[in-house]
PDB file of N, CA and C in Angstrom:
ATOM      1  N   MET A   1     -11.004  -0.101   2.781  1.00  0.00           N
ATOM      2  CA  MET A   1      -9.954  -1.077   2.610  1.00  0.00           C
ATOM      3  C   MET A   1      -8.757  -0.727   3.482  1.00  0.00           C
ATOM      4  N   THR A   2      -8.240   0.487   3.340  1.00  0.00           N
ATOM      5  CA  THR A   2      -7.066   0.844   4.136  1.00  0.00           C
ATOM      6  C   THR A   2      -7.434   1.189   5.568  1.00  0.00           C
ATOM      7  N   GLN A   3      -8.729   1.391   5.856  1.00  0.00           N
ATOM      8  CA  GLN A   3      -9.144   1.695   7.224  1.00  0.00           C
ATOM      9  C   GLN A   3      -8.761   0.567   8.173  1.00  0.00           C
ATOM     10  N   SER A   4      -8.850  -0.673   7.702  1.00  0.00           N
ATOM     11  CA  SER A   4      -8.472  -1.809   8.548  1.00  0.00           C
ATOM     12  C   SER A   4      -7.005  -1.727   8.929  1.00  0.00           C
ATOM     13  N   LEU A   5      -6.167  -1.361   7.984  1.00  0.00           N
ATOM     14  CA  LEU A   5      -4.743  -1.230   8.284  1.00  0.00           C
ATOM     15  C   LEU A   5      -4.485  -0.070   9.231  1.00  0.00           C
ATOM     16  N   LEU A   6      -5.168   1.033   8.985  1.00  0.00           N
ATOM     17  CA  LEU A   6      -4.951   2.211   9.822  1.00  0.00           C
ATOM     18  C   LEU A   6      -5.421   1.996  11.258  1.00  0.00           C
ATOM     19  N   LYS A   7      -6.398   1.104  11.441  1.00  0.00           N
ATOM     20  CA  LYS A   7      -6.915   0.827  12.783  1.00  0.00           C
ATOM     21  C   LYS A   7      -6.174  -0.317  13.476  1.00  0.00           C
ATOM     22  N   SER A   8      -5.167  -0.886  12.824  1.00  0.00           N
ATOM     23  CA  SER A   8      -4.453  -2.011  13.433  1.00  0.00           C
ATOM     24  C   SER A   8      -3.703  -1.557  14.679  1.00  0.00           C
ATOM     25  N   ARG A   9      -3.498  -2.488  15.589  1.00  0.00           N
ATOM     26  CA  ARG A   9      -2.803  -2.176  16.842  1.00  0.00           C
ATOM     27  C   ARG A   9      -1.364  -1.749  16.582  1.00  0.00           C
ATOM     28  N   LEU A  10      -0.735  -2.327  15.542  1.00  0.00           N
ATOM     29  CA  LEU A  10       0.652  -1.996  15.237  1.00  0.00           C
ATOM     30  C   LEU A  10       0.796  -0.519  14.881  1.00  0.00           C
ATOM     31  N   LEU A  11      -0.063  -0.019  14.014  1.00  0.00           N
ATOM     32  CA  LEU A  11       0.028   1.396  13.642  1.00  0.00           C
ATOM     33  C   LEU A  11      -0.369   2.305  14.791  1.00  0.00           C
ATOM     34  N   ALA A  12      -1.344   1.885  15.565  1.00  0.00           N
ATOM     35  CA  ALA A  12      -1.736   2.689  16.721  1.00  0.00           C
ATOM     36  C   ALA A  12      -0.579   2.803  17.709  1.00  0.00           C
ATOM     37  N   SER A  13       0.118   1.696  17.941  1.00  0.00           N
ATOM     38  CA  SER A  13       1.277   1.714  18.848  1.00  0.00           C
ATOM     39  C   SER A  13       2.398   2.582  18.280  1.00  0.00           C
ATOM     40  N   ALA A  14       2.633   2.451  16.984  1.00  0.00           N
ATOM     41  CA  ALA A  14       3.710   3.228  16.355  1.00  0.00           C
ATOM     42  C   ALA A  14       3.414   4.716  16.412  1.00  0.00           C
ATOM     43  N   GLN A  15       2.149   5.087  16.279  1.00  0.00           N
ATOM     44  CA  GLN A  15       1.787   6.498  16.320  1.00  0.00           C
ATOM     45  C   GLN A  15       1.833   7.068  17.731  1.00  0.00           C
ATOM     46  N   SER A  16       1.500   6.256  18.715  1.00  0.00           N
ATOM     47  CA  SER A  16       1.453   6.776  20.082  1.00  0.00           C
ATOM     48  C   SER A  16       2.822   6.795  20.748  1.00  0.00           C
ATOM     49  N   ALA A  17       3.635   5.796  20.482  1.00  0.00           N
ATOM     50  CA  ALA A  17       4.958   5.729  21.110  1.00  0.00           C
ATOM     51  C   ALA A  17       5.946   5.046  20.170  1.00  0.00           C
ATOM     52  N   PRO A  18       6.349   5.727  19.108  1.00  0.00           N
ATOM     53  CA  PRO A  18       7.209   5.081  18.111  1.00  0.00           C
ATOM     54  C   PRO A  18       8.585   4.670  18.639  1.00  0.00           C
ATOM     55  N   GLU A  19       9.045   5.329  19.686  1.00  0.00           N
ATOM     56  CA  GLU A  19      10.378   5.006  20.192  1.00  0.00           C
ATOM     57  C   GLU A  19      10.385   3.787  21.116  1.00  0.00           C
ATOM     58  N   GLN A  20       9.211   3.349  21.551  1.00  0.00           N
ATOM     59  CA  GLN A  20       9.127   2.208  22.461  1.00  0.00           C
ATOM     60  C   GLN A  20       8.688   0.959  21.706  1.00  0.00           C
ATOM     61  N   LEU A  21       9.387  -0.118  21.946  1.00  0.00           N
ATOM     62  CA  LEU A  21       8.993  -1.395  21.362  1.00  0.00           C
ATOM     63  C   LEU A  21       7.942  -2.008  22.283  1.00  0.00           C
ATOM     64  N   GLN A  22       6.752  -2.191  21.752  1.00  0.00           N
ATOM     65  CA  GLN A  22       5.660  -2.730  22.542  1.00  0.00           C
ATOM     66  C   GLN A  22       5.942  -4.194  22.910  1.00  0.00           C
ATOM     67  N   PRO A  23       5.500  -4.623  24.093  1.00  0.00           N
ATOM     68  CA  PRO A  23       5.772  -5.996  24.529  1.00  0.00           C
ATOM     69  C   PRO A  23       5.144  -7.048  23.608  1.00  0.00           C
ATOM     70  N   ASP A  24       4.026  -6.721  22.986  1.00  0.00           N
ATOM     71  CA  ASP A  24       3.397  -7.693  22.094  1.00  0.00           C
ATOM     72  C   ASP A  24       3.590  -7.309  20.624  1.00  0.00           C
ATOM     73  N   PHE A  25       4.783  -6.736  20.339  1.00  0.00           N
ATOM     74  CA  PHE A  25       5.069  -6.283  18.987  1.00  0.00           C
ATOM     75  C   PHE A  25       4.906  -7.406  17.967  1.00  0.00           C
ATOM     76  N   GLU A  26       5.384  -8.584  18.275  1.00  0.00           N
ATOM     77  CA  GLU A  26       5.302  -9.692  17.323  1.00  0.00           C
ATOM     78  C   GLU A  26       3.849 -10.028  17.001  1.00  0.00           C
ATOM     79  N   ALA A  27       2.986 -10.022  18.001  1.00  0.00           N
ATOM     80  CA  ALA A  27       1.566 -10.296  17.773  1.00  0.00           C
ATOM     81  C   ALA A  27       0.931  -9.180  16.946  1.00  0.00           C
ATOM     82  N   GLN A  28       1.303  -7.945  17.238  1.00  0.00           N
ATOM     83  CA  GLN A  28       0.782  -6.814  16.475  1.00  0.00           C
ATOM     84  C   GLN A  28       1.229  -6.900  15.013  1.00  0.00           C
ATOM     85  N   TYR A  29       2.486  -7.255  14.815  1.00  0.00           N
ATOM     86  CA  TYR A  29       3.017  -7.366  13.456  1.00  0.00           C
ATOM     87  C   TYR A  29       2.311  -8.489  12.690  1.00  0.00           C
ATOM     88  N   THR A  30       2.099  -9.612  13.345  1.00  0.00           N
ATOM     89  CA  THR A  30       1.405 -10.737  12.719  1.00  0.00           C
ATOM     90  C   THR A  30      -0.015 -10.338  12.330  1.00  0.00           C
ATOM     91  N   GLU A  31      -0.690  -9.612  13.207  1.00  0.00           N
ATOM     92  CA  GLU A  31      -2.040  -9.130  12.915  1.00  0.00           C
ATOM     93  C   GLU A  31      -2.020  -8.186  11.704  1.00  0.00           C
ATOM     94  N   PHE A  32      -1.045  -7.287  11.668  1.00  0.00           N
ATOM     95  CA  PHE A  32      -0.924  -6.330  10.573  1.00  0.00           C
ATOM     96  C   PHE A  32      -0.692  -7.055   9.248  1.00  0.00           C
ATOM     97  N   VAL A  33       0.204  -8.028   9.246  1.00  0.00           N
ATOM     98  CA  VAL A  33       0.487  -8.806   8.029  1.00  0.00           C
ATOM     99  C   VAL A  33      -0.760  -9.536   7.566  1.00  0.00           C
ATOM    100  N   SER A  34      -1.496 -10.094   8.495  1.00  0.00           N
ATOM    101  CA  SER A  34      -2.721 -10.810   8.152  1.00  0.00           C
ATOM    102  C   SER A  34      -3.744  -9.881   7.499  1.00  0.00           C
ATOM    103  N   ILE A  35      -3.906  -8.695   8.066  1.00  0.00           N
ATOM    104  CA  ILE A  35      -4.848  -7.717   7.496  1.00  0.00           C
ATOM    105  C   ILE A  35      -4.379  -7.300   6.101  1.00  0.00           C
ATOM    106  N   ALA A  36      -3.094  -6.997   5.967  1.00  0.00           N
ATOM    107  CA  ALA A  36      -2.554  -6.566   4.674  1.00  0.00           C
ATOM    108  C   ALA A  36      -2.737  -7.647   3.616  1.00  0.00           C
ATOM    109  N   GLN A  37      -2.461  -8.895   3.983  1.00  0.00           N
ATOM    110  CA  GLN A  37      -2.616  -9.987   3.019  1.00  0.00           C
ATOM    111  C   GLN A  37      -4.073 -10.190   2.639  1.00  0.00           C
ATOM    112  N   SER A  38      -4.970 -10.072   3.597  1.00  0.00           N
ATOM    113  CA  SER A  38      -6.380 -10.254   3.277  1.00  0.00           C
ATOM    114  C   SER A  38      -6.867  -9.168   2.318  1.00  0.00           C
ATOM    115  N   ILE A  39      -6.315  -7.957   2.455  1.00  0.00           N
ATOM    116  CA  ILE A  39      -6.685  -6.877   1.535  1.00  0.00           C
ATOM    117  C   ILE A  39      -6.061  -7.118   0.159  1.00  0.00           C
ATOM    118  N   LEU A  40      -4.771  -7.420   0.144  1.00  0.00           N
ATOM    119  CA  LEU A  40      -4.073  -7.589  -1.130  1.00  0.00           C
ATOM    120  C   LEU A  40      -4.637  -8.739  -1.955  1.00  0.00           C
ATOM    121  N   TYR A  41      -5.016  -9.804  -1.293  1.00  0.00           N
ATOM    122  CA  TYR A  41      -5.474 -10.986  -2.016  1.00  0.00           C
ATOM    123  C   TYR A  41      -6.991 -11.028  -2.194  1.00  0.00           C
ATOM    124  N   SER A  42      -7.665  -9.938  -1.869  1.00  0.00           N
ATOM    125  CA  SER A  42      -9.114  -9.865  -2.077  1.00  0.00           C
ATOM    126  C   SER A  42      -9.385  -9.300  -3.471  1.00  0.00           C
ATOM    127  N   ASP A  43     -10.622  -9.393  -3.907  1.00  0.00           N
ATOM    128  CA  ASP A  43     -10.994  -8.820  -5.203  1.00  0.00           C
ATOM    129  C   ASP A  43     -10.729  -7.320  -5.231  1.00  0.00           C
ATOM    130  N   ILE A  44     -11.027  -6.644  -4.134  1.00  0.00           N
ATOM    131  CA  ILE A  44     -10.795  -5.201  -4.072  1.00  0.00           C
ATOM    132  C   ILE A  44      -9.297  -4.899  -4.191  1.00  0.00           C
ATOM    133  N   GLY A  45      -8.483  -5.714  -3.544  1.00  0.00           N
ATOM    134  CA  GLY A  45      -7.034  -5.526  -3.616  1.00  0.00           C
ATOM    135  C   GLY A  45      -6.508  -5.714  -5.016  1.00  0.00           C
ATOM    136  N   TYR A  46      -6.982  -6.768  -5.693  1.00  0.00           N
ATOM    137  CA  TYR A  46      -6.549  -7.009  -7.065  1.00  0.00           C
ATOM    138  C   TYR A  46      -6.965  -5.861  -7.975  1.00  0.00           C
ATOM    139  N   LEU A  47      -8.175  -5.355  -7.782  1.00  0.00           N
ATOM    140  CA  LEU A  47      -8.645  -4.237  -8.604  1.00  0.00           C
ATOM    141  C   LEU A  47      -7.826  -2.974  -8.337  1.00  0.00           C
ATOM    142  N   ALA A  48      -7.497  -2.723  -7.084  1.00  0.00           N
ATOM    143  CA  ALA A  48      -6.698  -1.541  -6.745  1.00  0.00           C
ATOM    144  C   ALA A  48      -5.300  -1.645  -7.345  1.00  0.00           C
ATOM    145  N   ILE A  49      -4.711  -2.834  -7.287  1.00  0.00           N
ATOM    146  CA  ILE A  49      -3.381  -3.037  -7.876  1.00  0.00           C
ATOM    147  C   ILE A  49      -3.451  -2.846  -9.384  1.00  0.00           C
ATOM    148  N   ALA A  50      -4.465  -3.433 -10.016  1.00  0.00           N
ATOM    149  CA  ALA A  50      -4.622  -3.302 -11.466  1.00  0.00           C
ATOM    150  C   ALA A  50      -4.803  -1.842 -11.859  1.00  0.00           C
ATOM    151  N   GLN A  51      -5.603  -1.108 -11.111  1.00  0.00           N
ATOM    152  CA  GLN A  51      -5.826   0.301 -11.413  1.00  0.00           C
ATOM    153  C   GLN A  51      -4.532   1.097 -11.269  1.00  0.00           C
ATOM    154  N   SER A  52      -3.783   0.828 -10.212  1.00  0.00           N
ATOM    155  CA  SER A  52      -2.520   1.537 -10.001  1.00  0.00           C
ATOM    156  C   SER A  52      -1.530   1.248 -11.127  1.00  0.00           C
ATOM    157  N   LEU A  53      -1.466  -0.012 -11.546  1.00  0.00           N
ATOM    158  CA  LEU A  53      -0.563  -0.363 -12.643  1.00  0.00           C
ATOM    159  C   LEU A  53      -1.003   0.290 -13.952  1.00  0.00           C
ATOM    160  N   ASP A  54      -2.297   0.303 -14.211  1.00  0.00           N
ATOM    161  CA  ASP A  54      -2.809   0.954 -15.417  1.00  0.00           C
ATOM    162  C   ASP A  54      -2.459   2.440 -15.425  1.00  0.00           C
ATOM    163  N   GLU A  55      -2.610   3.080 -14.279  1.00  0.00           N
ATOM    164  CA  GLU A  55      -2.283   4.502 -14.188  1.00  0.00           C
ATOM    165  C   GLU A  55      -0.784   4.728 -14.407  1.00  0.00           C
ATOM    166  N   ALA A  56       0.041   3.869 -13.826  1.00  0.00           N
ATOM    167  CA  ALA A  56       1.488   3.996 -13.993  1.00  0.00           C
ATOM    168  C   ALA A  56       1.885   3.787 -15.453  1.00  0.00           C
ATOM    169  N   LEU A  57       1.294   2.791 -16.089  1.00  0.00           N
ATOM    170  CA  LEU A  57       1.590   2.554 -17.506  1.00  0.00           C
ATOM    171  C   LEU A  57       1.123   3.727 -18.362  1.00  0.00           C
ATOM    172  N   GLY A  58      -0.015   4.294 -18.016  1.00  0.00           N
ATOM    173  CA  GLY A  58      -0.500   5.460 -18.742  1.00  0.00           C
ATOM    174  C   GLY A  58       0.462   6.631 -18.642  1.00  0.00           C
ATOM    175  N   LEU A  59       1.012   6.848 -17.451  1.00  0.00           N
ATOM    176  CA  LEU A  59       1.985   7.931 -17.267  1.00  0.00           C
ATOM    177  C   LEU A  59       3.244   7.686 -18.091  1.00  0.00           C
ATOM    178  N   ILE A  60       3.682   6.440 -18.129  1.00  0.00           N
ATOM    179  CA  ILE A  60       4.875   6.099 -18.918  1.00  0.00           C
ATOM    180  C   ILE A  60       4.604   6.319 -20.397  1.00  0.00           C
ATOM    181  N   GLU A  61       3.441   5.882 -20.872  1.00  0.00           N
ATOM    182  CA  GLU A  61       3.092   6.062 -22.281  1.00  0.00           C
ATOM    183  C   GLU A  61       3.018   7.539 -22.643  1.00  0.00           C
ATOM    184  N   GLU A  62       2.432   8.357 -21.763  1.00  0.00           N
ATOM    185  CA  GLU A  62       2.367   9.799 -22.013  1.00  0.00           C
ATOM    186  C   GLU A  62       3.757  10.408 -22.072  1.00  0.00           C
ATOM    187  N   SER A  63       4.611   9.967 -21.177  1.00  0.00           N
ATOM    188  CA  SER A  63       5.974  10.478 -21.148  1.00  0.00           C
ATOM    189  C   SER A  63       6.716  10.114 -22.435  1.00  0.00           C
ATOM    190  N   LEU A  64       6.567   8.876 -22.869  1.00  0.00           N
ATOM    191  CA  LEU A  64       7.237   8.441 -24.097  1.00  0.00           C
ATOM    192  C   LEU A  64       6.703   9.203 -25.307  1.00  0.00           C
ATOM    193  N   ALA A  65       5.390   9.403 -25.359  1.00  0.00           N
ATOM    194  CA  ALA A  65       4.805  10.148 -26.473  1.00  0.00           C
ATOM    195  C   ALA A  65       5.318  11.583 -26.488  1.00  0.00           C
ATOM    196  N   SER A  66       5.451  12.180 -25.327  1.00  0.00           N
ATOM    197  CA  SER A  66       5.936  13.546 -25.240  1.00  0.00           C
ATOM    198  C   SER A  66       7.393  13.635 -25.684  1.00  0.00           C
ATOM    199  N   LYS A  67       8.203  12.646 -25.330  1.00  0.00           N
ATOM    200  CA  LYS A  67       9.620  12.654 -25.737  1.00  0.00           C
ATOM    201  C   LYS A  67       9.748  12.475 -27.242  1.00  0.00           C
ATOM    202  N   LYS A  68       8.867  11.662 -27.826  1.00  0.00           N
ATOM    203  CA  LYS A  68       8.917  11.474 -29.270  1.00  0.00           C
ATOM    204  C   LYS A  68       8.600  12.779 -29.988  1.00  0.00           C
ATOM    205  N   LYS A  69       7.638  13.550 -29.443  1.00  0.00           N
ATOM    206  CA  LYS A  69       7.297  14.841 -30.051  1.00  0.00           C
ATOM    207  C   LYS A  69       8.470  15.799 -29.953  1.00  0.00           C
ATOM    208  N   ASP A  70       9.179  15.770 -28.821  1.00  0.00           N
ATOM    209  CA  ASP A  70      10.325  16.666 -28.621  1.00  0.00           C
ATOM    210  C   ASP A  70      11.455  16.338 -29.600  1.00  0.00           C
ATOM    211  N   LEU A  71      11.623  15.069 -29.920  1.00  0.00           N
ATOM    212  CA  LEU A  71      12.687  14.655 -30.826  1.00  0.00           C
ATOM    213  C   LEU A  71      12.357  14.962 -32.284  1.00  0.00           C
ATOM    214  N   ALA A  72      11.073  15.039 -32.570  1.00  0.00           N
ATOM    215  CA  ALA A  72      10.662  15.255 -33.974  1.00  0.00           C
ATOM    216  C   ALA A  72      10.831  16.680 -34.417  1.00  0.00           C
TER     217      ALA A  72
END
């Protein structure tokens, strides 16, 4: 999933010459946005977002449970 983003021309340009603005930067950026949106709005993207949110909520719940024990 993230391999597509990592192989995009925008990231390749940024890694090779970050201080130089590439002449086709706008096209590279548009391509990058398109790839990112296709990942985010795919089934895999939705599942990854859901998993990340579940993990974050789990961490919050653990933290709250631990604070309640400390107060008791």
